[in-house]
Amino acid sequence: MGLPTLSKLIGKKTSVELNKKAATVRDLVSLLVKSHGKKMNQILLDSEGELDLTIQVMINDEGFLARNEYAQRELREGDRVRFMLLVGGG
């Protein structure tokens, strides 16, 4: 399915309000899956329930976030979170 399907499901730009004071990237992914159901689950998560390895997360213009930081990186009001498809080639 992938990220083009994600864009169709929630739009290229969308605003999400997290109801948790110290919400993390992992919380955002959980909210998206909960809000958009099975299709979102298939797009974002692997069989272990973790963000699929083909997807990278960028917050604002800070560069890609390391996978081990998804549960620790707190989001602040106004943060721009981008999900990007990791593409290899040669």
C-alpha atoms as a PDB file:
ATOM      1  CA  MET A   1       0.000   0.000   0.000  1.00  0.00           C
ATOM      2  CA  GLY A   2       2.552   2.585   1.085  1.00  0.00           C
ATOM      3  CA  LEU A   3       2.634   6.316   1.551  1.00  0.00           C
ATOM      4  CA  PRO A   4       0.661   7.341  -1.552  1.00  0.00           C
ATOM      5  CA  THR A   5      -2.263   5.479   0.023  1.00  0.00           C
ATOM      6  CA  LEU A   6      -1.583   7.294   3.302  1.00  0.00           C
ATOM      7  CA  SER A   7      -1.898  10.634   1.487  1.00  0.00           C
ATOM      8  CA  LYS A   8      -5.219   9.543   0.003  1.00  0.00           C
ATOM      9  CA  LEU A   9      -6.464   8.408   3.413  1.00  0.00           C
ATOM     10  CA  ILE A  10      -5.598  11.492   5.485  1.00  0.00           C
ATOM     11  CA  GLY A  11      -4.492  14.054   2.907  1.00  0.00           C
ATOM     12  CA  LYS A  12      -1.059  15.434   2.090  1.00  0.00           C
ATOM     13  CA  LYS A  13      -1.287  17.926   4.937  1.00  0.00           C
ATOM     14  CA  THR A  14      -3.398  17.387   7.991  1.00  0.00           C
ATOM     15  CA  SER A  15      -3.463  18.727  11.494  1.00  0.00           C
ATOM     16  CA  VAL A  16      -3.705  16.300  14.394  1.00  0.00           C
ATOM     17  CA  GLU A  17      -4.406  17.206  17.986  1.00  0.00           C
ATOM     18  CA  LEU A  18      -2.814  14.914  20.514  1.00  0.00           C
ATOM     19  CA  ASN A  19      -4.713  14.761  23.794  1.00  0.00           C
ATOM     20  CA  LYS A  20      -1.637  13.934  25.805  1.00  0.00           C
ATOM     21  CA  LYS A  21       0.651  16.563  27.285  1.00  0.00           C
ATOM     22  CA  ALA A  22       3.905  14.739  26.506  1.00  0.00           C
ATOM     23  CA  ALA A  23       2.890  12.990  23.276  1.00  0.00           C
ATOM     24  CA  THR A  24       5.596  11.217  21.309  1.00  0.00           C
ATOM     25  CA  VAL A  25       5.991  10.112  17.701  1.00  0.00           C
ATOM     26  CA  ARG A  26       4.843   6.652  18.789  1.00  0.00           C
ATOM     27  CA  ASP A  27       1.699   8.227  20.295  1.00  0.00           C
ATOM     28  CA  LEU A  28       1.032  10.019  16.997  1.00  0.00           C
ATOM     29  CA  VAL A  29       1.328   6.780  15.023  1.00  0.00           C
ATOM     30  CA  SER A  30      -1.009   5.031  17.490  1.00  0.00           C
ATOM     31  CA  LEU A  31      -3.556   7.841  17.168  1.00  0.00           C
ATOM     32  CA  LEU A  32      -3.452   7.691  13.370  1.00  0.00           C
ATOM     33  CA  VAL A  33      -3.981   3.918  13.399  1.00  0.00           C
ATOM     34  CA  LYS A  34      -6.792   4.190  15.936  1.00  0.00           C
ATOM     35  CA  SER A  35      -8.485   7.027  14.020  1.00  0.00           C
ATOM     36  CA  HIS A  36      -8.238   5.479  10.555  1.00  0.00           C
ATOM     37  CA  GLY A  37      -8.484   1.763  11.283  1.00  0.00           C
ATOM     38  CA  LYS A  38      -7.256  -1.295   9.466  1.00  0.00           C
ATOM     39  CA  LYS A  39      -6.099   0.451   6.303  1.00  0.00           C
ATOM     40  CA  MET A  40      -3.861   2.827   8.288  1.00  0.00           C
ATOM     41  CA  ASN A  41      -2.525  -0.143  10.243  1.00  0.00           C
ATOM     42  CA  GLN A  42      -1.562  -1.852   6.986  1.00  0.00           C
ATOM     43  CA  ILE A  43       0.116   1.299   5.654  1.00  0.00           C
ATOM     44  CA  LEU A  44       2.171   2.280   8.700  1.00  0.00           C
ATOM     45  CA  LEU A  45       2.841  -0.814  10.793  1.00  0.00           C
ATOM     46  CA  ASP A  46       4.758  -4.032  10.299  1.00  0.00           C
ATOM     47  CA  SER A  47       3.658  -7.460  11.552  1.00  0.00           C
ATOM     48  CA  GLU A  48       5.109  -6.655  15.001  1.00  0.00           C
ATOM     49  CA  GLY A  49       2.997  -3.506  15.363  1.00  0.00           C
ATOM     50  CA  GLU A  50       5.996  -1.185  14.927  1.00  0.00           C
ATOM     51  CA  LEU A  51       6.395   1.520  12.307  1.00  0.00           C
ATOM     52  CA  ASP A  52       7.335  -0.239   9.078  1.00  0.00           C
ATOM     53  CA  LEU A  53      11.060  -0.190   8.280  1.00  0.00           C
ATOM     54  CA  THR A  54      10.389   1.408   4.885  1.00  0.00           C
ATOM     55  CA  ILE A  55       9.033   4.546   6.566  1.00  0.00           C
ATOM     56  CA  GLN A  56      11.240   7.276   7.998  1.00  0.00           C
ATOM     57  CA  VAL A  57      10.032  10.108  10.244  1.00  0.00           C
ATOM     58  CA  MET A  58      11.210  13.689  10.000  1.00  0.00           C
ATOM     59  CA  ILE A  59      10.204  16.358  12.514  1.00  0.00           C
ATOM     60  CA  ASN A  60      10.360  19.942  11.299  1.00  0.00           C
ATOM     61  CA  ASP A  61      13.690  20.244   9.445  1.00  0.00           C
ATOM     62  CA  GLU A  62      15.767  18.292  11.973  1.00  0.00           C
ATOM     63  CA  GLY A  63      16.550  15.358   9.710  1.00  0.00           C
ATOM     64  CA  PHE A  64      15.399  11.772  10.099  1.00  0.00           C
ATOM     65  CA  LEU A  65      14.583  10.604  13.592  1.00  0.00           C
ATOM     66  CA  ALA A  66      16.354   7.454  14.779  1.00  0.00           C
ATOM     67  CA  ARG A  67      13.949   4.548  15.335  1.00  0.00           C
ATOM     68  CA  ASN A  68      14.950   4.209  18.980  1.00  0.00           C
ATOM     69  CA  GLU A  69      13.756   7.795  19.546  1.00  0.00           C
ATOM     70  CA  TYR A  70      10.108   7.291  18.459  1.00  0.00           C
ATOM     71  CA  ALA A  71       8.957   6.556  22.006  1.00  0.00           C
ATOM     72  CA  GLN A  72      11.045   9.330  23.594  1.00  0.00           C
ATOM     73  CA  ARG A  73      10.819  12.284  21.178  1.00  0.00           C
ATOM     74  CA  GLU A  74       8.100  14.538  22.551  1.00  0.00           C
ATOM     75  CA  LEU A  75       6.102  16.573  20.087  1.00  0.00           C
ATOM     76  CA  ARG A  76       5.383  20.229  20.708  1.00  0.00           C
ATOM     77  CA  GLU A  77       2.557  22.342  19.394  1.00  0.00           C
ATOM     78  CA  GLY A  78       3.357  23.387  15.859  1.00  0.00           C
ATOM     79  CA  ASP A  79       5.782  20.534  15.138  1.00  0.00           C
ATOM     80  CA  ARG A  80       5.634  19.327  11.560  1.00  0.00           C
ATOM     81  CA  VAL A  81       5.919  15.544  11.319  1.00  0.00           C
ATOM     82  CA  ARG A  82       6.552  13.990   7.919  1.00  0.00           C
ATOM     83  CA  PHE A  83       6.384  10.313   7.092  1.00  0.00           C
ATOM     84  CA  MET A  84       8.687   9.543   4.208  1.00  0.00           C
ATOM     85  CA  LEU A  85       9.161   6.375   2.220  1.00  0.00           C
ATOM     86  CA  LEU A  86      12.711   5.012   2.364  1.00  0.00           C
ATOM     87  CA  VAL A  87      13.714   4.288  -1.206  1.00  0.00           C
ATOM     88  CA  GLY A  88      16.876   2.554  -2.296  1.00  0.00           C
ATOM     89  CA  GLY A  89      18.319   2.424  -5.727  1.00  0.00           C
ATOM     90  CA  GLY A  90      21.422   2.574  -7.699  1.00  0.00           C
END
